[in-house]
Amino acid sequence: MPRVVYSAAMSLDGYLAGPGGDMSWLAPHFGPDPDAEELAADTGALLVGARTYRGDDPNAGTDAEGAFGGTWSGPSIVVTHHPDPEPPAGVTFAGSVEEGLALALAAAGDRAVNILGADLARQCLALGAVDEIAVSIVPELLGDGVPLLHSPGGRSVRLERTRLTGLPHATTLWYRVVRDGL
């Protein structure tokens, strides 16, 4: 069964995007990234939240536009209640998180499903569907924006670090989601 991975780049103070979903802050921090390349190579399908799908790509209008710096070519399952009337090639819309997960798992084959989107990741964590989290911490403070995880009322998710790698433009932490009794 494929692994389900939540991957993201975030500021040191925990934001994936600035106010209003602005991701332009991230562009100056891009550079060669073996962790992102490994993650992309191991990904069989993307599970994407609606805001991420329709959001602000820091590489918009360049050759690097899209997931994994524009290198992604594979199935993308977008969870939304407002699908596009004519989806782009490789994009499938799902009306619920459960439907999206099932479609992404089927599409991924024996490779990983990679979650893109903070709110979608929160919902997948609540379902107990996330196996790993890979977060690249970028050396910038935003002060406000979209947090890595926002769970009103709080919900603890135990993690076990499996790897730590560092580059001048980011430090990547890899975690396994700890499930009691496993």
C-alpha atoms as a PDB file:
ATOM      1  CA  MET A   1       0.000   0.000   0.000  1.00  0.00           C
ATOM      2  CA  PRO A   2       1.388   3.453  -0.855  1.00  0.00           C
ATOM      3  CA  ARG A   3       2.614   5.803   1.862  1.00  0.00           C
ATOM      4  CA  VAL A   4       0.785   9.076   2.367  1.00  0.00           C
ATOM      5  CA  VAL A   5       3.182  11.990   2.853  1.00  0.00           C
ATOM      6  CA  TYR A   6       2.423  15.604   3.767  1.00  0.00           C
ATOM      7  CA  SER A   7       5.217  17.731   2.360  1.00  0.00           C
ATOM      8  CA  ALA A   8       5.662  21.476   2.614  1.00  0.00           C
ATOM      9  CA  ALA A   9       8.155  24.306   2.762  1.00  0.00           C
ATOM     10  CA  MET A  10       7.585  26.732   5.622  1.00  0.00           C
ATOM     11  CA  SER A  11       9.117  29.813   7.173  1.00  0.00           C
ATOM     12  CA  LEU A  12      11.011  29.439  10.438  1.00  0.00           C
ATOM     13  CA  ASP A  13       7.932  30.790  12.263  1.00  0.00           C
ATOM     14  CA  GLY A  14       5.710  28.049  10.794  1.00  0.00           C
ATOM     15  CA  TYR A  15       3.940  29.602   7.796  1.00  0.00           C
ATOM     16  CA  LEU A  16       3.559  27.938   4.396  1.00  0.00           C
ATOM     17  CA  ALA A  17       2.240  31.078   2.775  1.00  0.00           C
ATOM     18  CA  GLY A  18       2.020  34.694   3.771  1.00  0.00           C
ATOM     19  CA  PRO A  19      -1.190  36.679   4.255  1.00  0.00           C
ATOM     20  CA  GLY A  20      -3.769  35.961   1.567  1.00  0.00           C
ATOM     21  CA  GLY A  21      -1.918  32.805   0.505  1.00  0.00           C
ATOM     22  CA  ASP A  22       1.065  34.742  -0.916  1.00  0.00           C
ATOM     23  CA  MET A  23       3.889  32.357  -1.760  1.00  0.00           C
ATOM     24  CA  SER A  24       6.168  34.823  -3.526  1.00  0.00           C
ATOM     25  CA  TRP A  25       8.378  34.976  -0.399  1.00  0.00           C
ATOM     26  CA  LEU A  26       9.569  31.450  -1.187  1.00  0.00           C
ATOM     27  CA  ALA A  27      11.028  32.046  -4.674  1.00  0.00           C
ATOM     28  CA  PRO A  28      14.399  33.515  -3.558  1.00  0.00           C
ATOM     29  CA  HIS A  29      15.017  30.375  -1.479  1.00  0.00           C
ATOM     30  CA  PHE A  30      14.799  27.896  -4.345  1.00  0.00           C
ATOM     31  CA  GLY A  31      17.911  26.035  -5.324  1.00  0.00           C
ATOM     32  CA  PRO A  32      19.067  22.494  -5.968  1.00  0.00           C
ATOM     33  CA  ASP A  33      17.287  20.296  -3.450  1.00  0.00           C
ATOM     34  CA  PRO A  34      18.023  16.553  -3.344  1.00  0.00           C
ATOM     35  CA  ASP A  35      15.224  16.037  -0.762  1.00  0.00           C
ATOM     36  CA  ALA A  36      12.593  17.527  -3.096  1.00  0.00           C
ATOM     37  CA  GLU A  37      13.981  15.520  -6.004  1.00  0.00           C
ATOM     38  CA  GLU A  38      13.798  12.318  -3.951  1.00  0.00           C
ATOM     39  CA  LEU A  39      10.259  13.104  -2.829  1.00  0.00           C
ATOM     40  CA  ALA A  40       9.152  13.850  -6.402  1.00  0.00           C
ATOM     41  CA  ALA A  41      10.718  10.638  -7.721  1.00  0.00           C
ATOM     42  CA  ASP A  42       8.949   8.589  -5.032  1.00  0.00           C
ATOM     43  CA  THR A  43       5.548  10.238  -5.600  1.00  0.00           C
ATOM     44  CA  GLY A  44       2.953   8.384  -7.650  1.00  0.00           C
ATOM     45  CA  ALA A  45       0.072  10.846  -7.183  1.00  0.00           C
ATOM     46  CA  LEU A  46      -0.596  14.247  -5.691  1.00  0.00           C
ATOM     47  CA  LEU A  47      -3.554  14.887  -3.395  1.00  0.00           C
ATOM     48  CA  VAL A  48      -4.128  18.626  -3.600  1.00  0.00           C
ATOM     49  CA  GLY A  49      -6.360  20.989  -1.644  1.00  0.00           C
ATOM     50  CA  ALA A  50      -8.581  23.439  -3.506  1.00  0.00           C
ATOM     51  CA  ARG A  51      -6.795  26.555  -2.229  1.00  0.00           C
ATOM     52  CA  THR A  52      -3.407  25.120  -3.152  1.00  0.00           C
ATOM     53  CA  TYR A  53      -4.677  24.136  -6.604  1.00  0.00           C
ATOM     54  CA  ARG A  54      -6.035  27.614  -7.241  1.00  0.00           C
ATOM     55  CA  GLY A  55      -3.356  29.373  -5.189  1.00  0.00           C
ATOM     56  CA  ASP A  56      -0.305  31.486  -5.654  1.00  0.00           C
ATOM     57  CA  ASP A  57       2.585  29.581  -7.270  1.00  0.00           C
ATOM     58  CA  PRO A  58       5.899  31.330  -6.532  1.00  0.00           C
ATOM     59  CA  ASN A  59       7.085  30.105  -9.954  1.00  0.00           C
ATOM     60  CA  ALA A  60       4.005  31.253 -11.908  1.00  0.00           C
ATOM     61  CA  GLY A  61       4.852  32.156 -15.480  1.00  0.00           C
ATOM     62  CA  THR A  62       8.228  30.369 -15.447  1.00  0.00           C
ATOM     63  CA  ASP A  63       9.474  26.951 -16.513  1.00  0.00           C
ATOM     64  CA  ALA A  64       9.402  25.968 -12.828  1.00  0.00           C
ATOM     65  CA  GLU A  65       5.639  26.557 -12.427  1.00  0.00           C
ATOM     66  CA  GLY A  66       3.789  23.708 -10.737  1.00  0.00           C
ATOM     67  CA  ALA A  67       4.523  21.026  -8.172  1.00  0.00           C
ATOM     68  CA  PHE A  68       8.163  20.161  -7.452  1.00  0.00           C
ATOM     69  CA  GLY A  69       9.441  23.172  -9.337  1.00  0.00           C
ATOM     70  CA  GLY A  70       7.524  22.257 -12.474  1.00  0.00           C
ATOM     71  CA  THR A  71       9.016  18.773 -12.717  1.00  0.00           C
ATOM     72  CA  TRP A  72       5.824  16.932 -11.690  1.00  0.00           C
ATOM     73  CA  SER A  73       4.028  14.967 -14.381  1.00  0.00           C
ATOM     74  CA  GLY A  74       1.551  12.517 -13.029  1.00  0.00           C
ATOM     75  CA  PRO A  75      -1.945  12.254 -11.625  1.00  0.00           C
ATOM     76  CA  SER A  76      -3.210  15.066  -9.418  1.00  0.00           C
ATOM     77  CA  ILE A  77      -6.367  14.565  -7.384  1.00  0.00           C
ATOM     78  CA  VAL A  78      -7.883  17.888  -6.288  1.00  0.00           C
ATOM     79  CA  VAL A  79     -10.357  17.856  -3.388  1.00  0.00           C
ATOM     80  CA  THR A  80     -12.941  20.577  -3.980  1.00  0.00           C
ATOM     81  CA  HIS A  81     -16.649  21.274  -3.947  1.00  0.00           C
ATOM     82  CA  HIS A  82     -16.169  23.539  -6.989  1.00  0.00           C
ATOM     83  CA  PRO A  83     -14.483  21.524  -9.755  1.00  0.00           C
ATOM     84  CA  ASP A  84     -13.440  23.136 -13.017  1.00  0.00           C
ATOM     85  CA  PRO A  85     -15.919  22.287 -15.795  1.00  0.00           C
ATOM     86  CA  GLU A  86     -13.068  20.948 -17.948  1.00  0.00           C
ATOM     87  CA  PRO A  87     -10.171  19.654 -15.846  1.00  0.00           C
ATOM     88  CA  PRO A  88      -6.667  20.001 -17.235  1.00  0.00           C
ATOM     89  CA  ALA A  89      -4.929  16.809 -18.381  1.00  0.00           C
ATOM     90  CA  GLY A  90      -3.860  14.670 -15.420  1.00  0.00           C
ATOM     91  CA  VAL A  91      -6.214  16.402 -12.948  1.00  0.00           C
ATOM     92  CA  THR A  92      -9.174  14.611 -11.368  1.00  0.00           C
ATOM     93  CA  PHE A  93     -11.579  16.350  -8.998  1.00  0.00           C
ATOM     94  CA  ALA A  94     -12.979  14.692  -5.880  1.00  0.00           C
ATOM     95  CA  GLY A  95     -15.840  15.999  -3.750  1.00  0.00           C
ATOM     96  CA  SER A  96     -14.563  14.709  -0.403  1.00  0.00           C
ATOM     97  CA  VAL A  97     -11.292  13.958   1.337  1.00  0.00           C
ATOM     98  CA  GLU A  98     -12.176  10.262   1.560  1.00  0.00           C
ATOM     99  CA  GLU A  99     -12.920  10.073  -2.183  1.00  0.00           C
ATOM    100  CA  GLY A 100      -9.745  12.006  -2.986  1.00  0.00           C
ATOM    101  CA  LEU A 101      -7.613   9.705  -0.821  1.00  0.00           C
ATOM    102  CA  ALA A 102      -9.079   6.601  -2.453  1.00  0.00           C
ATOM    103  CA  LEU A 103      -8.456   7.983  -5.955  1.00  0.00           C
ATOM    104  CA  ALA A 104      -4.909   9.102  -5.084  1.00  0.00           C
ATOM    105  CA  LEU A 105      -4.012   5.768  -3.465  1.00  0.00           C
ATOM    106  CA  ALA A 106      -5.282   3.909  -6.543  1.00  0.00           C
ATOM    107  CA  ALA A 107      -3.404   6.251  -8.901  1.00  0.00           C
ATOM    108  CA  ALA A 108      -0.128   6.095  -6.938  1.00  0.00           C
ATOM    109  CA  GLY A 109       0.414   2.393  -7.486  1.00  0.00           C
ATOM    110  CA  ASP A 110       3.301   1.323  -5.239  1.00  0.00           C
ATOM    111  CA  ARG A 111       4.658   4.883  -4.911  1.00  0.00           C
ATOM    112  CA  ALA A 112       3.696   7.584  -2.384  1.00  0.00           C
ATOM    113  CA  VAL A 113       0.727   9.905  -2.314  1.00  0.00           C
ATOM    114  CA  ASN A 114       1.944  13.429  -1.618  1.00  0.00           C
ATOM    115  CA  ILE A 115      -0.458  15.869   0.071  1.00  0.00           C
ATOM    116  CA  LEU A 116      -0.207  19.519  -0.929  1.00  0.00           C
ATOM    117  CA  GLY A 117      -2.256  21.931   1.162  1.00  0.00           C
ATOM    118  CA  ALA A 118      -2.413  22.687   4.867  1.00  0.00           C
ATOM    119  CA  ASP A 119      -6.145  22.283   5.399  1.00  0.00           C
ATOM    120  CA  LEU A 120      -6.282  19.075   3.376  1.00  0.00           C
ATOM    121  CA  ALA A 121      -3.332  17.728   5.394  1.00  0.00           C
ATOM    122  CA  ARG A 122      -5.178  18.583   8.623  1.00  0.00           C
ATOM    123  CA  GLN A 123      -8.208  16.635   7.418  1.00  0.00           C
ATOM    124  CA  CYS A 124      -6.084  13.664   6.355  1.00  0.00           C
ATOM    125  CA  LEU A 125      -4.322  13.658   9.740  1.00  0.00           C
ATOM    126  CA  ALA A 126      -7.733  13.663  11.462  1.00  0.00           C
ATOM    127  CA  LEU A 127      -8.645  10.586   9.416  1.00  0.00           C
ATOM    128  CA  GLY A 128      -5.414   8.854  10.473  1.00  0.00           C
ATOM    129  CA  ALA A 129      -4.345   8.653   6.820  1.00  0.00           C
ATOM    130  CA  VAL A 130      -0.933  10.385   6.966  1.00  0.00           C
ATOM    131  CA  ASP A 131       2.142   8.195   7.333  1.00  0.00           C
ATOM    132  CA  GLU A 132       4.939  10.757   7.037  1.00  0.00           C
ATOM    133  CA  ILE A 133       5.571  14.495   7.133  1.00  0.00           C
ATOM    134  CA  ALA A 134       8.495  16.127   5.309  1.00  0.00           C
ATOM    135  CA  VAL A 135       8.884  19.823   6.024  1.00  0.00           C
ATOM    136  CA  SER A 136      11.611  22.093   4.696  1.00  0.00           C
ATOM    137  CA  ILE A 137      12.237  25.007   7.027  1.00  0.00           C
ATOM    138  CA  VAL A 138      13.285  28.099   5.109  1.00  0.00           C
ATOM    139  CA  PRO A 139      15.370  30.828   6.822  1.00  0.00           C
ATOM    140  CA  GLU A 140      12.764  33.584   6.768  1.00  0.00           C
ATOM    141  CA  LEU A 141      10.187  34.899   9.256  1.00  0.00           C
ATOM    142  CA  LEU A 142       6.770  35.857   7.852  1.00  0.00           C
ATOM    143  CA  GLY A 143       4.886  36.795  11.017  1.00  0.00           C
ATOM    144  CA  ASP A 144       1.471  35.901   9.568  1.00  0.00           C
ATOM    145  CA  GLY A 145      -0.125  33.677   6.981  1.00  0.00           C
ATOM    146  CA  VAL A 146      -1.141  30.064   6.462  1.00  0.00           C
ATOM    147  CA  PRO A 147       0.337  27.836   9.214  1.00  0.00           C
ATOM    148  CA  LEU A 148       1.725  24.343   8.622  1.00  0.00           C
ATOM    149  CA  LEU A 149      -1.159  22.972  10.689  1.00  0.00           C
ATOM    150  CA  HIS A 150      -4.106  24.777  12.185  1.00  0.00           C
ATOM    151  CA  SER A 151      -6.400  22.609  14.273  1.00  0.00           C
ATOM    152  CA  PRO A 152      -8.919  24.669  16.249  1.00  0.00           C
ATOM    153  CA  GLY A 153      -9.180  23.306  19.771  1.00  0.00           C
ATOM    154  CA  GLY A 154      -5.914  21.481  19.278  1.00  0.00           C
ATOM    155  CA  ARG A 155      -5.178  17.888  18.454  1.00  0.00           C
ATOM    156  CA  SER A 156      -1.856  16.318  19.292  1.00  0.00           C
ATOM    157  CA  VAL A 157      -0.151  14.276  16.598  1.00  0.00           C
ATOM    158  CA  ARG A 158       2.911  12.376  17.818  1.00  0.00           C
ATOM    159  CA  LEU A 159       5.844  12.300  15.429  1.00  0.00           C
ATOM    160  CA  GLU A 160       9.148  10.457  15.324  1.00  0.00           C
ATOM    161  CA  ARG A 161      11.974  12.111  13.407  1.00  0.00           C
ATOM    162  CA  THR A 162      13.439   9.753  10.853  1.00  0.00           C
ATOM    163  CA  ARG A 163      15.856  12.059   9.071  1.00  0.00           C
ATOM    164  CA  LEU A 164      17.326  15.565   9.102  1.00  0.00           C
ATOM    165  CA  THR A 165      19.058  17.116   6.095  1.00  0.00           C
ATOM    166  CA  GLY A 166      20.350  20.603   5.549  1.00  0.00           C
ATOM    167  CA  LEU A 167      21.122  22.919   2.668  1.00  0.00           C
ATOM    168  CA  PRO A 168      21.993  26.628   2.728  1.00  0.00           C
ATOM    169  CA  HIS A 169      18.433  27.525   1.677  1.00  0.00           C
ATOM    170  CA  ALA A 170      16.484  25.033   3.816  1.00  0.00           C
ATOM    171  CA  THR A 171      16.636  22.357   6.505  1.00  0.00           C
ATOM    172  CA  THR A 172      14.369  19.392   5.872  1.00  0.00           C
ATOM    173  CA  LEU A 173      12.886  17.383   8.714  1.00  0.00           C
ATOM    174  CA  TRP A 174      11.345  13.996   7.958  1.00  0.00           C
ATOM    175  CA  TYR A 175       8.905  12.486  10.449  1.00  0.00           C
ATOM    176  CA  ARG A 176       6.898   9.306  10.785  1.00  0.00           C
ATOM    177  CA  VAL A 177       3.413   9.733  12.240  1.00  0.00           C
ATOM    178  CA  VAL A 178       3.283   7.626  15.400  1.00  0.00           C
ATOM    179  CA  ARG A 179       0.159   5.532  15.691  1.00  0.00           C
ATOM    180  CA  ASP A 180      -0.460   3.955  19.085  1.00  0.00           C
ATOM    181  CA  GLY A 181      -0.367   0.197  18.927  1.00  0.00           C
ATOM    182  CA  LEU A 182       1.637   0.050  15.681  1.00  0.00           C
END
